[in-house]
C-alpha atoms as a PDB file:
ATOM      1  CA  UNK A   1     104.667-143.026  -2.783  1.00  0.00           C
ATOM      2  CA  UNK A   2     104.633-145.385   0.344  1.00  0.00           C
ATOM      3  CA  UNK A   3     108.072-145.376   2.152  1.00  0.00           C
ATOM      4  CA  UNK A   4     108.782-148.623   4.154  1.00  0.00           C
ATOM      5  CA  UNK A   5     109.607-148.236   7.784  1.00  0.00           C
ATOM      6  CA  UNK A   6     112.691-149.877   7.419  1.00  0.00           C
ATOM      7  CA  UNK A   7     113.795-147.841   4.735  1.00  0.00           C
ATOM      8  CA  UNK A   8     112.930-144.656   6.848  1.00  0.00           C
ATOM      9  CA  UNK A   9     115.957-145.277   9.530  1.00  0.00           C
ATOM     10  CA  UNK A  10     113.592-146.228  12.185  1.00  0.00           C
ATOM     11  CA  UNK A  11     114.300-149.538  13.608  1.00  0.00           C
ATOM     12  CA  UNK A  12     111.459-151.551  13.770  1.00  0.00           C
ATOM     13  CA  UNK A  13     111.590-155.089  15.803  1.00  0.00           C
ATOM     14  CA  UNK A  14     110.729-158.070  13.904  1.00  0.00           C
ATOM     15  CA  UNK A  15     109.483-161.359  15.724  1.00  0.00           C
ATOM     16  CA  UNK A  16     109.291-161.782  19.428  1.00  0.00           C
ATOM     17  CA  UNK A  17     110.851-159.550  21.572  1.00  0.00           C
ATOM     18  CA  UNK A  18     114.144-160.402  23.481  1.00  0.00           C
ATOM     19  CA  UNK A  19     113.783-161.208  27.275  1.00  0.00           C
ATOM     20  CA  UNK A  20     116.478-161.570  29.789  1.00  0.00           C
ATOM     21  CA  UNK A  21     116.457-164.770  32.381  1.00  0.00           C
ATOM     22  CA  UNK A  22     116.195-164.059  35.932  1.00  0.00           C
ATOM     23  CA  UNK A  23     118.399-166.956  36.936  1.00  0.00           C
ATOM     24  CA  UNK A  24     120.888-169.217  34.976  1.00  0.00           C
ATOM     25  CA  UNK A  25     122.232-173.015  35.741  1.00  0.00           C
ATOM     26  CA  UNK A  26     125.457-174.237  34.560  1.00  0.00           C
ATOM     27  CA  UNK A  27     128.235-176.714  34.996  1.00  0.00           C
ATOM     28  CA  UNK A  28     131.066-176.321  37.251  1.00  0.00           C
ATOM     29  CA  UNK A  29     132.941-175.269  34.346  1.00  0.00           C
ATOM     30  CA  UNK A  30     131.457-171.898  34.345  1.00  0.00           C
ATOM     31  CA  UNK A  31     131.869-171.345  37.932  1.00  0.00           C
ATOM     32  CA  UNK A  32     134.877-168.505  37.575  1.00  0.00           C
ATOM     33  CA  UNK A  33     134.897-165.210  39.082  1.00  0.00           C
ATOM     34  CA  UNK A  34     134.620-163.702  35.668  1.00  0.00           C
ATOM     35  CA  UNK A  35     131.477-165.481  34.579  1.00  0.00           C
ATOM     36  CA  UNK A  36     129.727-164.507  37.814  1.00  0.00           C
ATOM     37  CA  UNK A  37     130.672-160.984  37.787  1.00  0.00           C
ATOM     38  CA  UNK A  38     129.347-160.633  34.218  1.00  0.00           C
ATOM     39  CA  UNK A  39     126.115-162.332  34.965  1.00  0.00           C
ATOM     40  CA  UNK A  40     125.749-160.451  38.209  1.00  0.00           C
ATOM     41  CA  UNK A  41     126.332-157.230  36.206  1.00  0.00           C
ATOM     42  CA  UNK A  42     123.399-158.140  33.799  1.00  0.00           C
ATOM     43  CA  UNK A  43     120.987-158.750  36.869  1.00  0.00           C
ATOM     44  CA  UNK A  44     121.036-162.654  36.542  1.00  0.00           C
ATOM     45  CA  UNK A  45     121.381-164.667  39.353  1.00  0.00           C
ATOM     46  CA  UNK A  46     123.828-167.751  38.925  1.00  0.00           C
ATOM     47  CA  UNK A  47     123.422-171.201  39.741  1.00  0.00           C
ATOM     48  CA  UNK A  48     126.346-172.821  39.407  1.00  0.00           C
ATOM     49  CA  UNK A  49     128.215-175.139  41.820  1.00  0.00           C
ATOM     50  CA  UNK A  50     131.750-174.169  42.824  1.00  0.00           C
ATOM     51  CA  UNK A  51     134.824-176.421  42.087  1.00  0.00           C
ATOM     52  CA  UNK A  52     136.331-177.956  45.149  1.00  0.00           C
ATOM     53  CA  UNK A  53     139.754-175.521  44.770  1.00  0.00           C
ATOM     54  CA  UNK A  54     137.429-172.743  44.467  1.00  0.00           C
ATOM     55  CA  UNK A  55     134.894-173.477  47.381  1.00  0.00           C
ATOM     56  CA  UNK A  56     138.163-173.839  49.833  1.00  0.00           C
ATOM     57  CA  UNK A  57     139.301-170.047  49.126  1.00  0.00           C
ATOM     58  CA  UNK A  58     135.678-168.642  49.896  1.00  0.00           C
ATOM     59  CA  UNK A  59     133.555-169.794  52.819  1.00  0.00           C
ATOM     60  CA  UNK A  60     130.269-170.394  52.759  1.00  0.00           C
ATOM     61  CA  UNK A  61     127.818-167.684  52.687  1.00  0.00           C
ATOM     62  CA  UNK A  62     125.694-169.392  55.859  1.00  0.00           C
ATOM     63  CA  UNK A  63     129.091-169.311  57.829  1.00  0.00           C
ATOM     64  CA  UNK A  64     129.364-165.364  56.834  1.00  0.00           C
ATOM     65  CA  UNK A  65     125.787-164.595  57.510  1.00  0.00           C
ATOM     66  CA  UNK A  66     126.077-166.613  61.095  1.00  0.00           C
ATOM     67  CA  UNK A  67     128.805-164.490  61.844  1.00  0.00           C
ATOM     68  CA  UNK A  68     127.221-161.094  61.198  1.00  0.00           C
ATOM     69  CA  UNK A  69     129.124-160.526  58.197  1.00  0.00           C
ATOM     70  CA  UNK A  70     127.625-160.312  54.847  1.00  0.00           C
ATOM     71  CA  UNK A  71     129.465-159.720  51.364  1.00  0.00           C
END
C-alpha cells in the first residue's frame, strides 16, 4: 500500500518557495513608526518618504552623522 507524503503528517512545499524582499518602496501613507518598525524587525529596508509633520520631529540622518551621533 502506498501512502502519500501529504497524508503522513509531513508538510510538503508545493510551488515556488517563499521569498522575502530586501527593500520595500511605499507611499507616504505607510511612513508611520509602526510600519517602519515592523519592516525593520523582518529585516526589510523601508524606502518610504516621510510626511512633513513627521520629518519636523526627526532630524535628517545626514545631520546626525555629521554631529558624530548615530541612531
